C-alpha atoms as a PDB file:
ATOM      1  CA  MET A   1       0.000   0.000   0.000  1.00  0.00           C
ATOM      2  CA  LYS A   2       1.347   3.394  -1.037  1.00  0.00           C
ATOM      3  CA  THR A   3       1.747   6.212   1.448  1.00  0.00           C
ATOM      4  CA  MET A   4      -0.006   9.496   0.688  1.00  0.00           C
ATOM      5  CA  GLU A   5       3.402  10.990  -0.133  1.00  0.00           C
ATOM      6  CA  GLN A   6       3.982   8.241  -2.707  1.00  0.00           C
ATOM      7  CA  VAL A   7       0.523   8.690  -4.216  1.00  0.00           C
ATOM      8  CA  PHE A   8       1.141  12.388  -4.782  1.00  0.00           C
ATOM      9  CA  ALA A   9       4.854  12.223  -5.567  1.00  0.00           C
ATOM     10  CA  THR A  10       4.260  12.769  -9.288  1.00  0.00           C
ATOM     11  CA  ASN A  11       1.848  15.659  -8.866  1.00  0.00           C
ATOM     12  CA  ARG A  12      -0.198  17.368  -6.179  1.00  0.00           C
ATOM     13  CA  ILE A  13      -3.573  17.452  -7.904  1.00  0.00           C
ATOM     14  CA  VAL A  14      -6.648  15.411  -7.008  1.00  0.00           C
ATOM     15  CA  PRO A  15      -9.162  15.512  -9.868  1.00  0.00           C
ATOM     16  CA  VAL A  16     -12.566  15.242  -8.175  1.00  0.00           C
ATOM     17  CA  VAL A  17     -14.685  13.307 -10.654  1.00  0.00           C
ATOM     18  CA  VAL A  18     -18.458  12.944 -10.908  1.00  0.00           C
ATOM     19  CA  ILE A  19     -19.087  10.315 -13.579  1.00  0.00           C
ATOM     20  CA  ASP A  20     -21.849   7.828 -14.389  1.00  0.00           C
ATOM     21  CA  ASP A  21     -20.871   6.879 -17.952  1.00  0.00           C
ATOM     22  CA  VAL A  22     -18.959   3.609 -17.692  1.00  0.00           C
ATOM     23  CA  ALA A  23     -17.848   3.906 -21.321  1.00  0.00           C
ATOM     24  CA  ALA A  24     -16.102   7.195 -20.530  1.00  0.00           C
ATOM     25  CA  ALA A  25     -14.151   5.827 -17.557  1.00  0.00           C
ATOM     26  CA  ILE A  26     -11.056   4.494 -19.322  1.00  0.00           C
ATOM     27  CA  PRO A  27     -10.800   7.341 -21.870  1.00  0.00           C
ATOM     28  CA  LEU A  28     -11.009   9.821 -18.985  1.00  0.00           C
ATOM     29  CA  ALA A  29      -8.351   8.042 -16.940  1.00  0.00           C
ATOM     30  CA  GLU A  30      -6.086   7.789 -19.986  1.00  0.00           C
ATOM     31  CA  THR A  31      -6.562  11.510 -20.625  1.00  0.00           C
ATOM     32  CA  LEU A  32      -5.457  12.324 -17.079  1.00  0.00           C
ATOM     33  CA  LEU A  33      -2.409  10.088 -17.397  1.00  0.00           C
ATOM     34  CA  SER A  34      -1.441  11.693 -20.702  1.00  0.00           C
ATOM     35  CA  ALA A  35      -1.621  15.111 -19.015  1.00  0.00           C
ATOM     36  CA  GLY A  36       0.687  14.004 -16.206  1.00  0.00           C
ATOM     37  CA  ILE A  37      -1.889  13.210 -13.511  1.00  0.00           C
ATOM     38  CA  ASN A  38      -1.758   9.675 -12.119  1.00  0.00           C
ATOM     39  CA  ASN A  39      -4.554   9.736  -9.553  1.00  0.00           C
ATOM     40  CA  MET A  40      -8.264  10.488  -9.519  1.00  0.00           C
ATOM     41  CA  GLU A  41     -11.043  10.624  -6.948  1.00  0.00           C
ATOM     42  CA  ILE A  42     -14.279   9.027  -8.173  1.00  0.00           C
ATOM     43  CA  THR A  43     -17.111  10.405  -6.054  1.00  0.00           C
ATOM     44  CA  LEU A  44     -19.876   8.037  -5.007  1.00  0.00           C
ATOM     45  CA  ARG A  45     -22.584  10.378  -6.261  1.00  0.00           C
ATOM     46  CA  THR A  46     -23.752   8.319  -9.233  1.00  0.00           C
ATOM     47  CA  PRO A  47     -25.222   4.810  -9.602  1.00  0.00           C
ATOM     48  CA  ASN A  48     -22.236   3.492 -11.579  1.00  0.00           C
ATOM     49  CA  ALA A  49     -19.424   5.001  -9.503  1.00  0.00           C
ATOM     50  CA  LEU A  50     -18.349   1.713  -7.905  1.00  0.00           C
ATOM     51  CA  GLU A  51     -18.350  -0.075 -11.255  1.00  0.00           C
ATOM     52  CA  ILE A  52     -16.218   2.713 -12.704  1.00  0.00           C
ATOM     53  CA  ILE A  53     -13.721   2.471  -9.834  1.00  0.00           C
ATOM     54  CA  ALA A  54     -13.439  -1.278 -10.356  1.00  0.00           C
ATOM     55  CA  LYS A  55     -12.979  -0.895 -14.106  1.00  0.00           C
ATOM     56  CA  ILE A  56     -10.202   1.672 -13.830  1.00  0.00           C
ATOM     57  CA  ALA A  57      -8.453  -0.233 -11.027  1.00  0.00           C
ATOM     58  CA  LYS A  58      -8.456  -3.413 -13.118  1.00  0.00           C
ATOM     59  CA  GLU A  59      -7.642  -2.035 -16.559  1.00  0.00           C
ATOM     60  CA  LEU A  60      -5.276   0.828 -15.674  1.00  0.00           C
ATOM     61  CA  PRO A  61      -3.148  -0.204 -12.684  1.00  0.00           C
ATOM     62  CA  GLU A  62      -0.864   2.785 -13.275  1.00  0.00           C
ATOM     63  CA  MET A  63      -3.756   5.053 -12.277  1.00  0.00           C
ATOM     64  CA  VAL A  64      -4.190   5.472  -8.528  1.00  0.00           C
ATOM     65  CA  VAL A  65      -7.956   5.531  -8.134  1.00  0.00           C
ATOM     66  CA  GLY A  66      -9.622   6.735  -4.966  1.00  0.00           C
ATOM     67  CA  ALA A  67     -13.225   7.029  -3.830  1.00  0.00           C
ATOM     68  CA  GLY A  68     -14.872  10.195  -2.567  1.00  0.00           C
ATOM     69  CA  THR A  69     -18.159  11.173  -0.920  1.00  0.00           C
ATOM     70  CA  ILE A  70     -17.857   8.236   1.477  1.00  0.00           C
ATOM     71  CA  LEU A  71     -20.513   8.732   4.145  1.00  0.00           C
ATOM     72  CA  THR A  72     -21.022   5.337   5.811  1.00  0.00           C
ATOM     73  CA  ARG A  73     -19.235   2.159   6.807  1.00  0.00           C
ATOM     74  CA  GLU A  74     -21.049   0.349   4.002  1.00  0.00           C
ATOM     75  CA  SER A  75     -19.888   2.758   1.305  1.00  0.00           C
ATOM     76  CA  PHE A  76     -16.343   2.676   2.732  1.00  0.00           C
ATOM     77  CA  LEU A  77     -16.244  -1.112   2.424  1.00  0.00           C
ATOM     78  CA  GLN A  78     -17.833  -1.061  -1.029  1.00  0.00           C
ATOM     79  CA  ALA A  79     -15.278   1.442  -2.280  1.00  0.00           C
ATOM     80  CA  TYR A  80     -12.394  -0.581  -0.860  1.00  0.00           C
ATOM     81  CA  GLU A  81     -13.712  -3.819  -2.365  1.00  0.00           C
ATOM     82  CA  ALA A  82     -14.085  -2.096  -5.740  1.00  0.00           C
ATOM     83  CA  GLY A  83     -10.364  -1.359  -5.754  1.00  0.00           C
ATOM     84  CA  SER A  84     -10.007   2.128  -4.277  1.00  0.00           C
ATOM     85  CA  GLN A  85      -6.493   2.878  -3.057  1.00  0.00           C
ATOM     86  CA  TYR A  86      -7.619   5.788  -0.910  1.00  0.00           C
ATOM     87  CA  ILE A  87     -10.944   6.757   0.651  1.00  0.00           C
ATOM     88  CA  ILE A  88     -12.094  10.361   1.076  1.00  0.00           C
ATOM     89  CA  SER A  89     -15.068  11.627   3.070  1.00  0.00           C
ATOM     90  CA  PRO A  90     -16.527  15.145   3.244  1.00  0.00           C
ATOM     91  CA  GLY A  91     -16.619  14.988   7.047  1.00  0.00           C
ATOM     92  CA  VAL A  92     -15.746  12.833  10.048  1.00  0.00           C
ATOM     93  CA  THR A  93     -17.754  10.277  12.047  1.00  0.00           C
ATOM     94  CA  GLU A  94     -16.805   7.655  14.611  1.00  0.00           C
ATOM     95  CA  GLU A  95     -18.177   5.013  12.248  1.00  0.00           C
ATOM     96  CA  LEU A  96     -15.729   6.037   9.530  1.00  0.00           C
ATOM     97  CA  PHE A  97     -12.803   6.268  11.951  1.00  0.00           C
ATOM     98  CA  THR A  98     -13.594   2.752  13.174  1.00  0.00           C
ATOM     99  CA  VAL A  99     -13.718   1.122   9.748  1.00  0.00           C
ATOM    100  CA  SER A 100     -10.615   3.031   8.649  1.00  0.00           C
ATOM    101  CA  LYS A 101      -8.695   1.518  11.576  1.00  0.00           C
ATOM    102  CA  GLU A 102      -9.926  -1.957  10.655  1.00  0.00           C
ATOM    103  CA  LEU A 103      -8.502  -1.504   7.149  1.00  0.00           C
ATOM    104  CA  ALA A 104      -5.542   0.704   8.091  1.00  0.00           C
ATOM    105  CA  ASP A 105      -3.007  -1.668   6.516  1.00  0.00           C
ATOM    106  CA  LYS A 106      -5.024  -1.971   3.291  1.00  0.00           C
ATOM    107  CA  VAL A 107      -6.362   1.451   2.285  1.00  0.00           C
ATOM    108  CA  ARG A 108      -5.677   5.096   3.170  1.00  0.00           C
ATOM    109  CA  PHE A 109      -8.453   7.198   4.702  1.00  0.00           C
ATOM    110  CA  VAL A 110      -8.571  10.973   4.206  1.00  0.00           C
ATOM    111  CA  PRO A 111     -11.396  12.454   6.307  1.00  0.00           C
ATOM    112  CA  GLY A 112     -12.871  15.867   5.637  1.00  0.00           C
ATOM    113  CA  ILE A 113     -12.392  18.535   8.314  1.00  0.00           C
ATOM    114  CA  CYS A 114     -12.866  22.298   8.613  1.00  0.00           C
ATOM    115  CA  THR A 115     -12.200  23.114  12.295  1.00  0.00           C
ATOM    116  CA  PRO A 116      -9.248  22.775  14.713  1.00  0.00           C
ATOM    117  CA  SER A 117     -11.251  20.330  16.852  1.00  0.00           C
ATOM    118  CA  GLN A 118     -11.898  18.066  13.872  1.00  0.00           C
ATOM    119  CA  ALA A 119      -8.222  18.302  12.936  1.00  0.00           C
ATOM    120  CA  MET A 120      -7.209  17.187  16.432  1.00  0.00           C
ATOM    121  CA  ASP A 121      -9.782  14.400  16.305  1.00  0.00           C
ATOM    122  CA  ALA A 122      -8.179  13.114  13.110  1.00  0.00           C
ATOM    123  CA  LEU A 123      -4.718  13.169  14.695  1.00  0.00           C
ATOM    124  CA  ASN A 124      -6.018  11.365  17.785  1.00  0.00           C
ATOM    125  CA  ASN A 125      -7.318   8.647  15.457  1.00  0.00           C
ATOM    126  CA  GLY A 126      -3.920   8.191  13.833  1.00  0.00           C
ATOM    127  CA  ILE A 127      -4.589  10.247  10.701  1.00  0.00           C
ATOM    128  CA  ASN A 128      -2.257  13.036   9.589  1.00  0.00           C
ATOM    129  CA  HIS A 129      -3.535  13.616   6.029  1.00  0.00           C
ATOM    130  CA  VAL A 130      -6.946  15.283   5.824  1.00  0.00           C
ATOM    131  CA  LYS A 131      -9.221  16.979   3.338  1.00  0.00           C
ATOM    132  CA  PHE A 132     -10.269  20.553   4.127  1.00  0.00           C
ATOM    133  CA  PHE A 133     -13.843  20.864   2.869  1.00  0.00           C
ATOM    134  CA  PRO A 134     -15.449  23.040   1.706  1.00  0.00           C
ATOM    135  CA  ALA A 135     -12.315  25.080   1.095  1.00  0.00           C
ATOM    136  CA  GLU A 136     -13.313  28.392  -0.411  1.00  0.00           C
ATOM    137  CA  PRO A 137     -16.557  28.929   1.553  1.00  0.00           C
ATOM    138  CA  TYR A 138     -14.656  28.276   4.819  1.00  0.00           C
ATOM    139  CA  ASN A 139     -11.674  30.524   4.035  1.00  0.00           C
ATOM    140  CA  ALA A 140      -9.430  27.464   3.935  1.00  0.00           C
ATOM    141  CA  TYR A 141      -6.240  29.260   2.941  1.00  0.00           C
ATOM    142  CA  ASN A 142      -6.103  31.362   6.107  1.00  0.00           C
ATOM    143  CA  VAL A 143      -7.281  28.529   8.358  1.00  0.00           C
ATOM    144  CA  ILE A 144      -4.766  26.018   6.997  1.00  0.00           C
ATOM    145  CA  LYS A 145      -1.991  28.598   7.229  1.00  0.00           C
ATOM    146  CA  ALA A 146      -2.912  29.318  10.855  1.00  0.00           C
ATOM    147  CA  LEU A 147      -2.974  25.607  11.776  1.00  0.00           C
ATOM    148  CA  ALA A 148       0.576  25.032  10.545  1.00  0.00           C
ATOM    149  CA  SER A 149       2.103  26.238  13.837  1.00  0.00           C
ATOM    150  CA  PRO A 150       0.022  24.329  16.430  1.00  0.00           C
ATOM    151  CA  LEU A 151      -0.455  21.229  14.239  1.00  0.00           C
ATOM    152  CA  PRO A 152       2.656  20.963  12.029  1.00  0.00           C
ATOM    153  CA  GLN A 153       2.258  17.209  11.603  1.00  0.00           C
ATOM    154  CA  LEU A 154      -1.095  17.617   9.830  1.00  0.00           C
ATOM    155  CA  LYS A 155      -1.165  17.811   6.027  1.00  0.00           C
ATOM    156  CA  PHE A 156      -4.142  19.122   4.048  1.00  0.00           C
ATOM    157  CA  CYS A 157      -5.860  18.642   0.719  1.00  0.00           C
ATOM    158  CA  PRO A 158      -8.191  21.651   0.359  1.00  0.00           C
ATOM    159  CA  THR A 159     -11.177  20.927  -1.871  1.00  0.00           C
ATOM    160  CA  GLY A 160     -14.293  22.821  -2.826  1.00  0.00           C
ATOM    161  CA  GLY A 161     -14.494  25.913  -4.991  1.00  0.00           C
ATOM    162  CA  ILE A 162     -10.781  25.949  -5.840  1.00  0.00           C
ATOM    163  CA  THR A 163      -9.924  26.722  -9.456  1.00  0.00           C
ATOM    164  CA  VAL A 164      -6.783  26.400 -11.529  1.00  0.00           C
ATOM    165  CA  GLY A 165      -6.377  30.141 -11.077  1.00  0.00           C
ATOM    166  CA  SER A 166      -6.586  30.027  -7.275  1.00  0.00           C
ATOM    167  CA  MET A 167      -4.715  26.799  -6.539  1.00  0.00           C
ATOM    168  CA  GLN A 168      -1.177  28.201  -6.519  1.00  0.00           C
ATOM    169  CA  LYS A 169      -1.530  30.068  -3.222  1.00  0.00           C
ATOM    170  CA  TYR A 170      -2.534  26.801  -1.540  1.00  0.00           C
ATOM    171  CA  LEU A 171       0.363  24.863  -3.056  1.00  0.00           C
ATOM    172  CA  GLU A 172       2.796  27.390  -1.613  1.00  0.00           C
ATOM    173  CA  LEU A 173       1.757  26.518   1.949  1.00  0.00           C
ATOM    174  CA  PRO A 174       4.094  24.030   3.691  1.00  0.00           C
ATOM    175  CA  ASN A 175       1.266  21.896   5.089  1.00  0.00           C
ATOM    176  CA  ILE A 176      -0.472  21.142   1.774  1.00  0.00           C
ATOM    177  CA  PHE A 177       0.023  17.691   0.257  1.00  0.00           C
ATOM    178  CA  ALA A 178      -2.439  18.140  -2.625  1.00  0.00           C
ATOM    179  CA  VAL A 179      -5.284  20.286  -3.935  1.00  0.00           C
ATOM    180  CA  GLY A 180      -8.670  18.922  -5.011  1.00  0.00           C
ATOM    181  CA  LEU A 181      -9.978  20.237  -8.335  1.00  0.00           C
ATOM    182  CA  SER A 182     -13.321  19.461  -9.944  1.00  0.00           C
ATOM    183  CA  SER A 183     -13.134  22.157 -12.633  1.00  0.00           C
ATOM    184  CA  ILE A 184     -10.520  20.279 -14.672  1.00  0.00           C
ATOM    185  CA  VAL A 185     -12.828  17.259 -14.962  1.00  0.00           C
ATOM    186  CA  GLU A 186     -16.137  19.089 -15.199  1.00  0.00           C
ATOM    187  CA  ALA A 187     -19.095  16.706 -15.435  1.00  0.00           C
ATOM    188  CA  LYS A 188     -20.487  18.291 -18.598  1.00  0.00           C
ATOM    189  CA  LEU A 189     -17.164  17.732 -20.362  1.00  0.00           C
ATOM    190  CA  ILE A 190     -17.173  14.070 -19.366  1.00  0.00           C
ATOM    191  CA  THR A 191     -20.765  13.685 -20.555  1.00  0.00           C
ATOM    192  CA  ALA A 192     -19.821  15.253 -23.897  1.00  0.00           C
ATOM    193  CA  HIS A 193     -16.664  13.098 -24.103  1.00  0.00           C
ATOM    194  CA  ASP A 194     -14.678  16.295 -24.611  1.00  0.00           C
ATOM    195  CA  PHE A 195     -11.383  14.782 -23.562  1.00  0.00           C
ATOM    196  CA  THR A 196      -9.434  17.353 -25.551  1.00  0.00           C
ATOM    197  CA  GLU A 197     -10.664  20.160 -23.296  1.00  0.00           C
ATOM    198  CA  ILE A 198     -10.183  18.032 -20.185  1.00  0.00           C
ATOM    199  CA  LYS A 199      -6.577  17.387 -21.184  1.00  0.00           C
ATOM    200  CA  ARG A 200      -6.008  21.096 -21.826  1.00  0.00           C
ATOM    201  CA  ARG A 201      -7.300  22.003 -18.363  1.00  0.00           C
ATOM    202  CA  CYS A 202      -5.298  19.247 -16.693  1.00  0.00           C
ATOM    203  CA  LYS A 203      -2.062  20.258 -18.401  1.00  0.00           C
ATOM    204  CA  GLU A 204      -2.652  23.858 -17.345  1.00  0.00           C
ATOM    205  CA  ALA A 205      -3.015  22.710 -13.736  1.00  0.00           C
ATOM    206  CA  VAL A 206       0.088  20.505 -13.932  1.00  0.00           C
ATOM    207  CA  THR A 207       2.084  23.442 -15.286  1.00  0.00           C
ATOM    208  CA  ILE A 208       1.097  25.554 -12.280  1.00  0.00           C
ATOM    209  CA  VAL A 209       2.120  22.756  -9.911  1.00  0.00           C
ATOM    210  CA  ASN A 210       5.517  22.494 -11.599  1.00  0.00           C
ATOM    211  CA  ILE A 211       6.049  26.256 -11.483  1.00  0.00           C
ATOM    212  CA  THR A 212       5.199  26.288  -7.773  1.00  0.00           C
ATOM    213  CA  ILE A 213       7.578  23.419  -7.013  1.00  0.00           C
ATOM    214  CA  ASP A 214      10.403  25.119  -8.915  1.00  0.00           C
ATOM    215  CA  LYS A 215      10.068  28.385  -6.959  1.00  0.00           C
END
């Protein structure tokens, strides 16, 4: 099982994907890979999400596929069994902490938090990589920056309302391990099979990541 650092060693972008078209799954994943992105979060917001996770995990092992919008123990287990290499939730519950501990040596869990108390709760449950959600509505940049001093061991993936244009300021923070972006894999583009535009957006995001790293 890869560590979170290994998962995001190639890039620091998490494409947050809402997809129900099974036929578009492999072309989408291949588009991301060709743009330099080797991971993707498939949200469990559509009927075929689990099937899509399983298909990508089986047919494209070079793609690190994760599951998002995990709300219950059942959906956590379903996502893991489908082949997810990391599990992301929008919030935190004792139920999710419990099942994540049961599978701690098999799959990574990234809970969603937005307060210092939730951040400490994650640390107390052995988790030091979290999602900050929703990022822009909760002024995530300033909050994450402020938490770096009292909680230096905690690393964040801000998600929610972040665009390619606004991601750089987050990447410059020392306690950011990745940034979640839905705009580069917009649902309407997937539905239209407009993989050319998706690739353009992804490459633009990758360029910004590389510029930030080189600073």
